[in-house]
Amino acid sequence: MNKWVAVTGLGALLVCVAFQPLRVSAASADWRVRSSLAPPTSQRERHPEINAAIRSLERAKAYLQKAAHDFGGHRAEALEAVDKALDQLRQALKYDKK
């Protein structure tokens, strides 16, 4: 049960990160403005969603490690799940570079 809760929590975190609304100013809402401000293709970050998920998971891990309580006994398993997710995402990025 605890593993299921940790995996479910991690899945919910990844969904939140993947579907986090973009914060754009009113001026850049127009696609022509956005496209003119975009960096050249060679400078764009590859897989920005995966990189954003990695950053978010790293922040969640730091928060869990510093938290004053153990989240009903789920902190250790959540940290383990976060580590596994980070490892898988980093491996995916390495595989893409091959």
Protein backbone atom coordinates (compact mmCIF):
# COMPACT_ATOMS: atom_id res chain seq x y z
CA MET A 1 0.00 0.00 0.00
CA ASN A 2 2.75 2.47 0.91
CA LYS A 3 4.54 1.83 -2.37
CA TRP A 4 1.30 2.38 -4.27
CA VAL A 5 0.77 5.71 -2.48
CA ALA A 6 4.34 6.83 -3.22
CA VAL A 7 4.11 5.85 -6.90
CA THR A 8 0.68 7.48 -7.21
CA GLY A 9 1.99 10.65 -5.57
CA LEU A 10 4.97 10.71 -7.90
CA GLY A 11 2.69 10.20 -10.90
CA ALA A 12 0.50 13.09 -9.75
CA LEU A 13 3.58 15.28 -9.35
CA LEU A 14 4.76 14.46 -12.87
CA VAL A 15 1.31 15.20 -14.30
CA CYS A 16 1.25 18.55 -12.49
CA VAL A 17 4.66 19.43 -13.88
CA ALA A 18 3.80 18.32 -17.41
CA PHE A 19 0.55 20.29 -17.52
CA GLN A 20 1.68 23.36 -15.59
CA PRO A 21 0.25 26.35 -17.43
CA LEU A 22 2.73 28.51 -19.21
CA ARG A 23 3.08 32.00 -17.81
CA VAL A 24 3.33 34.41 -20.69
CA SER A 25 2.82 38.13 -20.73
CA ALA A 26 -0.04 39.65 -22.67
CA ALA A 27 2.43 41.02 -25.21
CA SER A 28 3.82 37.58 -25.99
CA ALA A 29 0.41 35.91 -26.22
CA ASP A 30 0.38 36.59 -29.95
CA TRP A 31 2.13 33.71 -31.77
CA ARG A 32 4.01 36.13 -34.02
CA VAL A 33 5.56 37.86 -31.04
CA ARG A 34 6.47 34.54 -29.39
CA SER A 35 8.03 33.16 -32.56
CA SER A 36 10.11 36.29 -33.07
CA LEU A 37 11.41 36.06 -29.48
CA ALA A 38 12.23 32.36 -29.65
CA PRO A 39 15.93 31.49 -29.76
CA PRO A 40 17.35 29.88 -32.90
CA THR A 41 16.63 26.16 -33.19
CA SER A 42 20.22 25.21 -32.33
CA GLN A 43 19.96 27.04 -28.97
CA ARG A 44 16.57 25.69 -27.88
CA GLU A 45 16.53 23.27 -25.00
CA ARG A 46 15.84 19.72 -26.13
CA HIS A 47 12.93 18.11 -24.31
CA PRO A 48 12.00 21.09 -22.13
CA GLU A 49 9.20 19.12 -20.44
CA ILE A 50 11.61 16.42 -19.26
CA ASN A 51 14.11 19.02 -18.05
CA ALA A 52 11.34 20.87 -16.21
CA ALA A 53 10.24 17.62 -14.59
CA ILE A 54 13.81 16.96 -13.44
CA ARG A 55 14.06 20.42 -11.90
CA SER A 56 10.69 20.02 -10.20
CA LEU A 57 11.59 16.59 -8.83
CA GLU A 58 14.89 17.94 -7.51
CA ARG A 59 12.99 20.70 -5.67
CA ALA A 60 10.47 18.19 -4.30
CA LYS A 61 13.32 15.95 -3.13
CA ALA A 62 15.03 18.84 -1.35
CA TYR A 63 11.75 19.78 0.31
CA LEU A 64 11.09 16.21 1.45
CA GLN A 65 14.62 15.89 2.84
CA LYS A 66 14.26 19.09 4.89
CA ALA A 67 10.65 18.55 5.99
CA ALA A 68 9.98 18.53 9.71
CA HIS A 69 7.66 15.50 9.50
CA ASP A 70 7.63 12.19 7.63
CA PHE A 71 4.28 12.57 5.85
CA GLY A 72 2.66 9.69 7.70
CA GLY A 73 5.59 7.38 7.04
CA HIS A 74 5.66 8.00 3.29
CA ARG A 75 8.65 10.33 3.05
CA ALA A 76 11.28 7.59 2.69
CA GLU A 77 9.37 5.78 -0.05
CA ALA A 78 8.59 9.06 -1.80
CA LEU A 79 12.29 9.99 -1.79
CA GLU A 80 13.12 6.57 -3.21
CA ALA A 81 10.49 7.00 -5.94
CA VAL A 82 11.81 10.49 -6.75
CA ASP A 83 15.35 9.12 -7.07
CA LYS A 84 14.11 6.37 -9.42
CA ALA A 85 12.15 8.89 -11.51
CA LEU A 86 15.16 11.22 -11.74
CA ASP A 87 17.35 8.32 -12.82
CA GLN A 88 14.87 7.26 -15.51
CA LEU A 89 14.46 10.79 -16.86
CA ARG A 90 18.23 11.33 -17.00
CA GLN A 91 18.70 7.98 -18.75
CA ALA A 92 16.04 8.98 -21.28
CA LEU A 93 17.91 12.19 -22.03
CA LYS A 94 21.22 10.31 -22.39
CA TYR A 95 19.60 7.78 -24.73
CA ASP A 96 18.27 10.59 -26.90
CA LYS A 97 21.81 11.96 -27.37
CA LYS A 98 23.10 8.66 -28.78
